[in-house]
Amino acid sequence: IAAADFSNEAETKIEDIFHISEGWMGLDVGPQ
């Protein structure tokens, strides 16, 4: 679960761990 910033209200998206978008950070593991 990637987010644009370190916050509960941050926008999130699910990303492959090997291909996280620039400027985004993984803050939790995803459904897979």
Full PDB file with SEQRES, HELIX, SHEET, SSBOND, CRYST1, ORIGX, SCALE, CONECT and MASTER records, all heavy atoms in Angstrom:
SEQRES   1 A   32  ILE ALA ALA ALA ASP PHE SER ASN GLU ALA GLU THR LYS          
SEQRES   2 A   32  ILE GLU ASP ILE PHE HIS ILE SER GLU GLY TRP MET GLY          
SEQRES   3 A   32  LEU ASP VAL GLY PRO GLN                                      
SHEET    1 AA1 3 THR A  12  LYS A  13  0                                        
SHEET    2 AA1 3 ALA A   2  ALA A   3 -1                                        
SHEET    3 AA1 3 MET A  25  GLY A  26 -1                                        
CRYST1    1.000    1.000    1.000  90.00  90.00  90.00 P 1           1          
ORIGX1      1.000000  0.000000  0.000000        0.00000                         
ORIGX2      0.000000  1.000000  0.000000        0.00000                         
ORIGX3      0.000000  0.000000  1.000000        0.00000                         
SCALE1      1.000000  0.000000  0.000000        0.00000                         
SCALE2      0.000000  1.000000  0.000000        0.00000                         
SCALE3      0.000000  0.000000  1.000000        0.00000                         
ATOM      1  N   ILE A   1       0.895  -1.153   0.000  1.00  0.00           N  
ATOM      2  CA  ILE A   1       0.000   0.000   0.000  1.00  0.00           C  
ATOM      3  C   ILE A   1       0.936   1.206   0.000  1.00  0.00           C  
ATOM      4  O   ILE A   1       1.635   1.450   0.997  1.00  0.00           O  
ATOM      5  CB  ILE A   1      -0.916   0.043   1.257  1.00  0.00           C  
ATOM      6  CG1 ILE A   1      -1.660  -1.292   1.449  1.00  0.00           C  
ATOM      7  CG2 ILE A   1      -1.876   1.218   1.177  1.00  0.00           C  
ATOM      8  CD1 ILE A   1      -2.648  -1.657   0.368  1.00  0.00           C  
ATOM      9  N   ALA A   2       0.978   1.899  -1.116  1.00  0.00           N  
ATOM     10  CA  ALA A   2       1.892   3.044  -1.247  1.00  0.00           C  
ATOM     11  C   ALA A   2       1.140   4.340  -1.007  1.00  0.00           C  
ATOM     12  O   ALA A   2      -0.064   4.444  -1.272  1.00  0.00           O  
ATOM     13  CB  ALA A   2       2.517   3.048  -2.636  1.00  0.00           C  
ATOM     14  N   ALA A   3       1.854   5.334  -0.478  1.00  0.00           N  
ATOM     15  CA  ALA A   3       1.253   6.646  -0.197  1.00  0.00           C  
ATOM     16  C   ALA A   3       2.215   7.740  -0.655  1.00  0.00           C  
ATOM     17  O   ALA A   3       3.424   7.532  -0.735  1.00  0.00           O  
ATOM     18  CB  ALA A   3       0.978   6.778   1.296  1.00  0.00           C  
ATOM     19  N   ALA A   4       1.628   8.892  -0.943  1.00  0.00           N  
ATOM     20  CA  ALA A   4       2.454  10.022  -1.390  1.00  0.00           C  
ATOM     21  C   ALA A   4       3.114  10.709  -0.203  1.00  0.00           C  
ATOM     22  O   ALA A   4       4.160  11.339  -0.336  1.00  0.00           O  
ATOM     23  CB  ALA A   4       1.605  11.014  -2.171  1.00  0.00           C  
ATOM     24  N   ASP A   5       2.490  10.597   0.994  1.00  0.00           N  
ATOM     25  CA  ASP A   5       3.140  11.135   2.191  1.00  0.00           C  
ATOM     26  C   ASP A   5       2.748  10.322   3.416  1.00  0.00           C  
ATOM     27  O   ASP A   5       1.818   9.524   3.377  1.00  0.00           O  
ATOM     28  CB  ASP A   5       2.835  12.637   2.392  1.00  0.00           C  
ATOM     29  CG  ASP A   5       1.356  12.921   2.497  1.00  0.00           C  
ATOM     30  OD1 ASP A   5       0.638  12.722   1.484  1.00  0.00           O  
ATOM     31  OD2 ASP A   5       0.913  13.330   3.560  1.00  0.00           O  
ATOM     32  N   PHE A   6       3.510  10.540   4.493  1.00  0.00           N  
ATOM     33  CA  PHE A   6       3.388   9.742   5.716  1.00  0.00           C  
ATOM     34  C   PHE A   6       2.240  10.292   6.559  1.00  0.00           C  
ATOM     35  O   PHE A   6       2.449  11.057   7.497  1.00  0.00           O  
ATOM     36  CB  PHE A   6       4.712   9.822   6.486  1.00  0.00           C  
ATOM     37  CG  PHE A   6       4.851   8.782   7.561  1.00  0.00           C  
ATOM     38  CD1 PHE A   6       5.400   7.534   7.275  1.00  0.00           C  
ATOM     39  CD2 PHE A   6       4.447   9.035   8.863  1.00  0.00           C  
ATOM     40  CE1 PHE A   6       5.547   6.568   8.268  1.00  0.00           C  
ATOM     41  CE2 PHE A   6       4.583   8.079   9.862  1.00  0.00           C  
ATOM     42  CZ  PHE A   6       5.135   6.837   9.556  1.00  0.00           C  
ATOM     43  N   SER A   7       1.011   9.890   6.224  1.00  0.00           N  
ATOM     44  CA  SER A   7      -0.146  10.437   6.934  1.00  0.00           C  
ATOM     45  C   SER A   7      -1.326   9.495   6.785  1.00  0.00           C  
ATOM     46  O   SER A   7      -1.476   8.808   5.768  1.00  0.00           O  
ATOM     47  CB  SER A   7      -0.491  11.820   6.363  1.00  0.00           C  
ATOM     48  OG  SER A   7      -1.857  12.098   6.484  1.00  0.00           O  
ATOM     49  N   ASN A   8      -2.196   9.475   7.795  1.00  0.00           N  
ATOM     50  CA  ASN A   8      -3.403   8.651   7.755  1.00  0.00           C  
ATOM     51  C   ASN A   8      -4.336   9.070   6.634  1.00  0.00           C  
ATOM     52  O   ASN A   8      -5.100   8.274   6.108  1.00  0.00           O  
ATOM     53  CB  ASN A   8      -4.137   8.782   9.100  1.00  0.00           C  
ATOM     54  CG  ASN A   8      -4.332   7.427   9.760  1.00  0.00           C  
ATOM     55  OD1 ASN A   8      -4.267   6.386   9.117  1.00  0.00           O  
ATOM     56  ND2 ASN A   8      -4.575   7.437  11.051  1.00  0.00           N  
ATOM     57  N   GLU A   9      -4.261  10.366   6.284  1.00  0.00           N  
ATOM     58  CA  GLU A   9      -5.178  10.913   5.266  1.00  0.00           C  
ATOM     59  C   GLU A   9      -4.568  10.879   3.867  1.00  0.00           C  
ATOM     60  O   GLU A   9      -5.167  11.348   2.912  1.00  0.00           O  
ATOM     61  CB  GLU A   9      -5.554  12.366   5.592  1.00  0.00           C  
ATOM     62  CG  GLU A   9      -6.523  12.541   6.759  1.00  0.00           C  
ATOM     63  CD  GLU A   9      -5.888  12.218   8.111  1.00  0.00           C  
ATOM     64  OE1 GLU A   9      -4.763  12.698   8.368  1.00  0.00           O  
ATOM     65  OE2 GLU A   9      -6.503  11.456   8.883  1.00  0.00           O  
ATOM     66  N   ALA A  10      -3.362  10.331   3.738  1.00  0.00           N  
ATOM     67  CA  ALA A  10      -2.665  10.345   2.441  1.00  0.00           C  
ATOM     68  C   ALA A  10      -3.432   9.559   1.383  1.00  0.00           C  
ATOM     69  O   ALA A  10      -4.146   8.599   1.682  1.00  0.00           O  
ATOM     70  CB  ALA A  10      -1.266   9.745   2.604  1.00  0.00           C  
ATOM     71  N   GLU A  11      -3.255   9.982   0.133  1.00  0.00           N  
ATOM     72  CA  GLU A  11      -3.795   9.223  -0.992  1.00  0.00           C  
ATOM     73  C   GLU A  11      -2.996   7.917  -1.070  1.00  0.00           C  
ATOM     74  O   GLU A  11      -1.782   7.925  -0.881  1.00  0.00           O  
ATOM     75  CB  GLU A  11      -3.599  10.038  -2.277  1.00  0.00           C  
ATOM     76  CG  GLU A  11      -4.229   9.414  -3.495  1.00  0.00           C  
ATOM     77  CD  GLU A  11      -3.811  10.117  -4.786  1.00  0.00           C  
ATOM     78  OE1 GLU A  11      -3.292  11.255  -4.738  1.00  0.00           O  
ATOM     79  OE2 GLU A  11      -3.992   9.497  -5.849  1.00  0.00           O  
ATOM     80  N   THR A  12      -3.674   6.788  -1.329  1.00  0.00           N  
ATOM     81  CA  THR A  12      -2.959   5.504  -1.381  1.00  0.00           C  
ATOM     82  C   THR A  12      -3.261   4.752  -2.674  1.00  0.00           C  
ATOM     83  O   THR A  12      -4.281   4.994  -3.320  1.00  0.00           O  
ATOM     84  CB  THR A  12      -3.344   4.585  -0.193  1.00  0.00           C  
ATOM     85  OG1 THR A  12      -4.741   4.276  -0.297  1.00  0.00           O  
ATOM     86  CG2 THR A  12      -3.051   5.228   1.143  1.00  0.00           C  
ATOM     87  N   LYS A  13      -2.375   3.856  -3.034  1.00  0.00           N  
ATOM     88  CA  LYS A  13      -2.630   2.944  -4.154  1.00  0.00           C  
ATOM     89  C   LYS A  13      -1.824   1.663  -3.928  1.00  0.00           C  
ATOM     90  O   LYS A  13      -0.820   1.665  -3.201  1.00  0.00           O  
ATOM     91  CB  LYS A  13      -2.273   3.596  -5.488  1.00  0.00           C  
ATOM     92  CG  LYS A  13      -0.832   4.077  -5.636  1.00  0.00           C  
ATOM     93  CD  LYS A  13      -0.647   4.752  -6.990  1.00  0.00           C  
ATOM     94  CE  LYS A  13       0.746   5.358  -7.128  1.00  0.00           C  
ATOM     95  NZ  LYS A  13       0.951   6.005  -8.424  1.00  0.00           N  
ATOM     96  N   ILE A  14      -2.287   0.585  -4.537  1.00  0.00           N  
ATOM     97  CA  ILE A  14      -1.579  -0.696  -4.426  1.00  0.00           C  
ATOM     98  C   ILE A  14      -0.560  -0.771  -5.560  1.00  0.00           C  
ATOM     99  O   ILE A  14      -0.890  -0.518  -6.722  1.00  0.00           O  
ATOM    100  CB  ILE A  14      -2.573  -1.878  -4.537  1.00  0.00           C  
ATOM    101  CG1 ILE A  14      -3.589  -1.827  -3.386  1.00  0.00           C  
ATOM    102  CG2 ILE A  14      -1.822  -3.216  -4.517  1.00  0.00           C  
ATOM    103  CD1 ILE A  14      -4.788  -2.740  -3.578  1.00  0.00           C  
ATOM    104  N   GLU A  15       0.684  -1.086  -5.195  1.00  0.00           N  
ATOM    105  CA  GLU A  15       1.718  -1.177  -6.218  1.00  0.00           C  
ATOM    106  C   GLU A  15       2.573  -2.433  -6.021  1.00  0.00           C  
ATOM    107  O   GLU A  15       2.752  -2.906  -4.887  1.00  0.00           O  
ATOM    108  CB  GLU A  15       2.628   0.057  -6.182  1.00  0.00           C  
ATOM    109  CG  GLU A  15       1.900   1.344  -6.568  1.00  0.00           C  
ATOM    110  CD  GLU A  15       2.854   2.402  -7.116  1.00  0.00           C  
ATOM    111  OE1 GLU A  15       3.809   2.768  -6.405  1.00  0.00           O  
ATOM    112  OE2 GLU A  15       2.632   2.855  -8.253  1.00  0.00           O  
ATOM    113  N   ASP A  16       3.100  -2.943  -7.128  1.00  0.00           N  
ATOM    114  CA  ASP A  16       4.076  -4.032  -7.076  1.00  0.00           C  
ATOM    115  C   ASP A  16       5.303  -3.525  -6.321  1.00  0.00           C  
ATOM    116  O   ASP A  16       5.775  -2.415  -6.578  1.00  0.00           O  
ATOM    117  CB  ASP A  16       4.461  -4.407  -8.521  1.00  0.00           C  
ATOM    118  CG  ASP A  16       5.459  -5.553  -8.566  1.00  0.00           C  
ATOM    119  OD1 ASP A  16       6.574  -5.391  -8.016  1.00  0.00           O  
ATOM    120  OD2 ASP A  16       5.148  -6.594  -9.158  1.00  0.00           O  
ATOM    121  N   ILE A  17       5.832  -4.318  -5.379  1.00  0.00           N  
ATOM    122  CA  ILE A  17       6.932  -3.819  -4.532  1.00  0.00           C  
ATOM    123  C   ILE A  17       8.213  -3.539  -5.332  1.00  0.00           C  
ATOM    124  O   ILE A  17       9.029  -2.717  -4.922  1.00  0.00           O  
ATOM    125  CB  ILE A  17       7.216  -4.786  -3.350  1.00  0.00           C  
ATOM    126  CG1 ILE A  17       8.046  -4.054  -2.265  1.00  0.00           C  
ATOM    127  CG2 ILE A  17       7.894  -6.068  -3.825  1.00  0.00           C  
ATOM    128  CD1 ILE A  17       8.113  -4.749  -0.930  1.00  0.00           C  
ATOM    129  N   PHE A  18       8.365  -4.170  -6.478  1.00  0.00           N  
ATOM    130  CA  PHE A  18       9.552  -3.924  -7.307  1.00  0.00           C  
ATOM    131  C   PHE A  18       9.393  -2.699  -8.212  1.00  0.00           C  
ATOM    132  O   PHE A  18      10.336  -2.274  -8.852  1.00  0.00           O  
ATOM    133  CB  PHE A  18       9.874  -5.159  -8.166  1.00  0.00           C  
ATOM    134  CG  PHE A  18      10.739  -6.171  -7.476  1.00  0.00           C  
ATOM    135  CD1 PHE A  18      10.173  -7.167  -6.686  1.00  0.00           C  
ATOM    136  CD2 PHE A  18      12.125  -6.134  -7.583  1.00  0.00           C  
ATOM    137  CE1 PHE A  18      10.967  -8.103  -6.032  1.00  0.00           C  
ATOM    138  CE2 PHE A  18      12.929  -7.070  -6.924  1.00  0.00           C  
ATOM    139  CZ  PHE A  18      12.352  -8.050  -6.161  1.00  0.00           C  
ATOM    140  N   HIS A  19       8.156  -2.160  -8.269  1.00  0.00           N  
ATOM    141  CA  HIS A  19       7.893  -1.025  -9.170  1.00  0.00           C  
ATOM    142  C   HIS A  19       7.036   0.033  -8.468  1.00  0.00           C  
ATOM    143  O   HIS A  19       5.905   0.281  -8.854  1.00  0.00           O  
ATOM    144  CB  HIS A  19       7.180  -1.513 -10.451  1.00  0.00           C  
ATOM    145  CG  HIS A  19       7.950  -2.553 -11.185  1.00  0.00           C  
ATOM    146  ND1 HIS A  19       7.685  -3.903 -11.056  1.00  0.00           N  
ATOM    147  CD2 HIS A  19       9.009  -2.457 -12.032  1.00  0.00           C  
ATOM    148  CE1 HIS A  19       8.537  -4.592 -11.805  1.00  0.00           C  
ATOM    149  NE2 HIS A  19       9.358  -3.739 -12.401  1.00  0.00           N  
ATOM    150  N   ILE A  20       7.593   0.642  -7.425  1.00  0.00           N  
ATOM    151  CA  ILE A  20       6.872   1.705  -6.708  1.00  0.00           C  
ATOM    152  C   ILE A  20       7.147   3.037  -7.412  1.00  0.00           C  
ATOM    153  O   ILE A  20       8.288   3.344  -7.765  1.00  0.00           O  
ATOM    154  CB  ILE A  20       7.298   1.753  -5.219  1.00  0.00           C  
ATOM    155  CG1 ILE A  20       6.960   0.414  -4.533  1.00  0.00           C  
ATOM    156  CG2 ILE A  20       6.600   2.907  -4.487  1.00  0.00           C  
ATOM    157  CD1 ILE A  20       7.462   0.276  -3.100  1.00  0.00           C  
ATOM    158  N   SER A  21       6.098   3.815  -7.622  1.00  0.00           N  
ATOM    159  CA  SER A  21       6.217   5.082  -8.365  1.00  0.00           C  
ATOM    160  C   SER A  21       7.161   6.054  -7.668  1.00  0.00           C  
ATOM    161  O   SER A  21       7.240   6.081  -6.428  1.00  0.00           O  
ATOM    162  CB  SER A  21       4.845   5.742  -8.508  1.00  0.00           C  
ATOM    163  OG  SER A  21       3.931   4.853  -9.097  1.00  0.00           O  
ATOM    164  N   GLU A  22       7.829   6.852  -8.473  1.00  0.00           N  
ATOM    165  CA  GLU A  22       8.692   7.909  -7.922  1.00  0.00           C  
ATOM    166  C   GLU A  22       7.854   8.826  -7.037  1.00  0.00           C  
ATOM    167  O   GLU A  22       6.738   9.206  -7.408  1.00  0.00           O  
ATOM    168  CB  GLU A  22       9.333   8.734  -9.054  1.00  0.00           C  
ATOM    169  CG  GLU A  22      10.487   8.038  -9.762  1.00  0.00           C  
ATOM    170  CD  GLU A  22      11.569   7.547  -8.807  1.00  0.00           C  
ATOM    171  OE1 GLU A  22      11.995   8.339  -7.938  1.00  0.00           O  
ATOM    172  OE2 GLU A  22      11.974   6.363  -8.908  1.00  0.00           O  
ATOM    173  N   GLY A  23       8.404   9.190  -5.877  1.00  0.00           N  
ATOM    174  CA  GLY A  23       7.697  10.102  -4.970  1.00  0.00           C  
ATOM    175  C   GLY A  23       6.702   9.405  -4.047  1.00  0.00           C  
ATOM    176  O   GLY A  23       6.118  10.034  -3.175  1.00  0.00           O  
ATOM    177  N   TRP A  24       6.500   8.103  -4.240  1.00  0.00           N  
ATOM    178  CA  TRP A  24       5.582   7.338  -3.391  1.00  0.00           C  
ATOM    179  C   TRP A  24       6.393   6.404  -2.490  1.00  0.00           C  
ATOM    180  O   TRP A  24       7.513   6.036  -2.807  1.00  0.00           O  
ATOM    181  CB  TRP A  24       4.610   6.511  -4.239  1.00  0.00           C  
ATOM    182  CG  TRP A  24       3.594   7.377  -4.926  1.00  0.00           C  
ATOM    183  CD1 TRP A  24       3.845   8.291  -5.912  1.00  0.00           C  
ATOM    184  CD2 TRP A  24       2.192   7.439  -4.662  1.00  0.00           C  
ATOM    185  NE1 TRP A  24       2.682   8.914  -6.285  1.00  0.00           N  
ATOM    186  CE2 TRP A  24       1.639   8.409  -5.540  1.00  0.00           C  
ATOM    187  CE3 TRP A  24       1.333   6.769  -3.793  1.00  0.00           C  
ATOM    188  CZ2 TRP A  24       0.276   8.723  -5.559  1.00  0.00           C  
ATOM    189  CZ3 TRP A  24      -0.026   7.070  -3.815  1.00  0.00           C  
ATOM    190  CH2 TRP A  24      -0.540   8.044  -4.690  1.00  0.00           C  
ATOM    191  N   MET A  25       5.784   6.035  -1.359  1.00  0.00           N  
ATOM    192  CA  MET A  25       6.478   5.136  -0.427  1.00  0.00           C  
ATOM    193  C   MET A  25       5.556   4.028   0.040  1.00  0.00           C  
ATOM    194  O   MET A  25       4.356   4.248   0.239  1.00  0.00           O  
ATOM    195  CB  MET A  25       7.025   5.929   0.768  1.00  0.00           C  
ATOM    196  CG  MET A  25       5.975   6.563   1.634  1.00  0.00           C  
ATOM    197  SD  MET A  25       6.687   7.592   2.943  1.00  0.00           S  
ATOM    198  CE  MET A  25       6.334   9.222   2.321  1.00  0.00           C  
ATOM    199  N   GLY A  26       6.120   2.832   0.215  1.00  0.00           N  
ATOM    200  CA  GLY A  26       5.343   1.712   0.740  1.00  0.00           C  
ATOM    201  C   GLY A  26       5.238   1.810   2.254  1.00  0.00           C  
ATOM    202  O   GLY A  26       6.251   1.909   2.942  1.00  0.00           O  
ATOM    203  N   LEU A  27       3.986   1.791   2.761  1.00  0.00           N  
ATOM    204  CA  LEU A  27       3.786   1.923   4.214  1.00  0.00           C  
ATOM    205  C   LEU A  27       3.054   0.723   4.829  1.00  0.00           C  
ATOM    206  O   LEU A  27       2.874   0.640   6.026  1.00  0.00           O  
ATOM    207  CB  LEU A  27       3.023   3.217   4.533  1.00  0.00           C  
ATOM    208  CG  LEU A  27       3.767   4.530   4.220  1.00  0.00           C  
ATOM    209  CD1 LEU A  27       2.890   5.727   4.530  1.00  0.00           C  
ATOM    210  CD2 LEU A  27       5.087   4.642   4.969  1.00  0.00           C  
ATOM    211  N   ASP A  28       2.638  -0.216   3.966  1.00  0.00           N  
ATOM    212  CA  ASP A  28       2.022  -1.447   4.455  1.00  0.00           C  
ATOM    213  C   ASP A  28       2.141  -2.482   3.341  1.00  0.00           C  
ATOM    214  O   ASP A  28       2.374  -2.130   2.183  1.00  0.00           O  
ATOM    215  CB  ASP A  28       0.538  -1.213   4.784  1.00  0.00           C  
ATOM    216  CG  ASP A  28      -0.081  -2.338   5.605  1.00  0.00           C  
ATOM    217  OD1 ASP A  28       0.676  -3.224   6.071  1.00  0.00           O  
ATOM    218  OD2 ASP A  28      -1.318  -2.342   5.783  1.00  0.00           O  
ATOM    219  N   VAL A  29       1.988  -3.755   3.699  1.00  0.00           N  
ATOM    220  CA  VAL A  29       1.983  -4.791   2.659  1.00  0.00           C  
ATOM    221  C   VAL A  29       0.610  -4.792   1.990  1.00  0.00           C  
ATOM    222  O   VAL A  29      -0.390  -4.399   2.586  1.00  0.00           O  
ATOM    223  CB  VAL A  29       2.325  -6.183   3.234  1.00  0.00           C  
ATOM    224  CG1 VAL A  29       3.773  -6.229   3.685  1.00  0.00           C  
ATOM    225  CG2 VAL A  29       1.393  -6.559   4.389  1.00  0.00           C  
ATOM    226  N   GLY A  30       0.580  -5.248   0.741  1.00  0.00           N  
ATOM    227  CA  GLY A  30      -0.659  -5.256  -0.030  1.00  0.00           C  
ATOM    228  C   GLY A  30      -1.411  -6.571   0.045  1.00  0.00           C  
ATOM    229  O   GLY A  30      -0.968  -7.528   0.692  1.00  0.00           O  
ATOM    230  N   PRO A  31      -2.567  -6.658  -0.663  1.00  0.00           N  
ATOM    231  CA  PRO A  31      -3.445  -7.837  -0.574  1.00  0.00           C  
ATOM    232  C   PRO A  31      -2.802  -9.150  -1.036  1.00  0.00           C  
ATOM    233  O   PRO A  31      -3.029 -10.203  -0.434  1.00  0.00           O  
ATOM    234  CB  PRO A  31      -4.644  -7.458  -1.454  1.00  0.00           C  
ATOM    235  CG  PRO A  31      -4.224  -6.269  -2.249  1.00  0.00           C  
ATOM    236  CD  PRO A  31      -3.171  -5.583  -1.472  1.00  0.00           C  
ATOM    237  N   GLN A  32      -1.989  -9.106  -2.106  1.00  0.00           N  
ATOM    238  CA  GLN A  32      -1.326 -10.336  -2.571  1.00  0.00           C  
ATOM    239  C   GLN A  32      -0.364 -10.875  -1.503  1.00  0.00           C  
ATOM    240  O   GLN A  32      -0.265 -12.081  -1.280  1.00  0.00           O  
ATOM    241  CB  GLN A  32      -0.531 -10.059  -3.855  1.00  0.00           C  
ATOM    242  CG  GLN A  32      -1.352 -10.018  -5.122  1.00  0.00           C  
ATOM    243  CD  GLN A  32      -0.421  -9.801  -6.310  1.00  0.00           C  
ATOM    244  OE1 GLN A  32       0.081  -8.700  -6.524  1.00  0.00           O  
ATOM    245  NE2 GLN A  32      -0.173 -10.854  -7.063  1.00  0.00           N  
TER     246      GLN A  32                                                      
MASTER        0    0    0    0    3    0    0    6  245    1    0    3          
END                                                                             
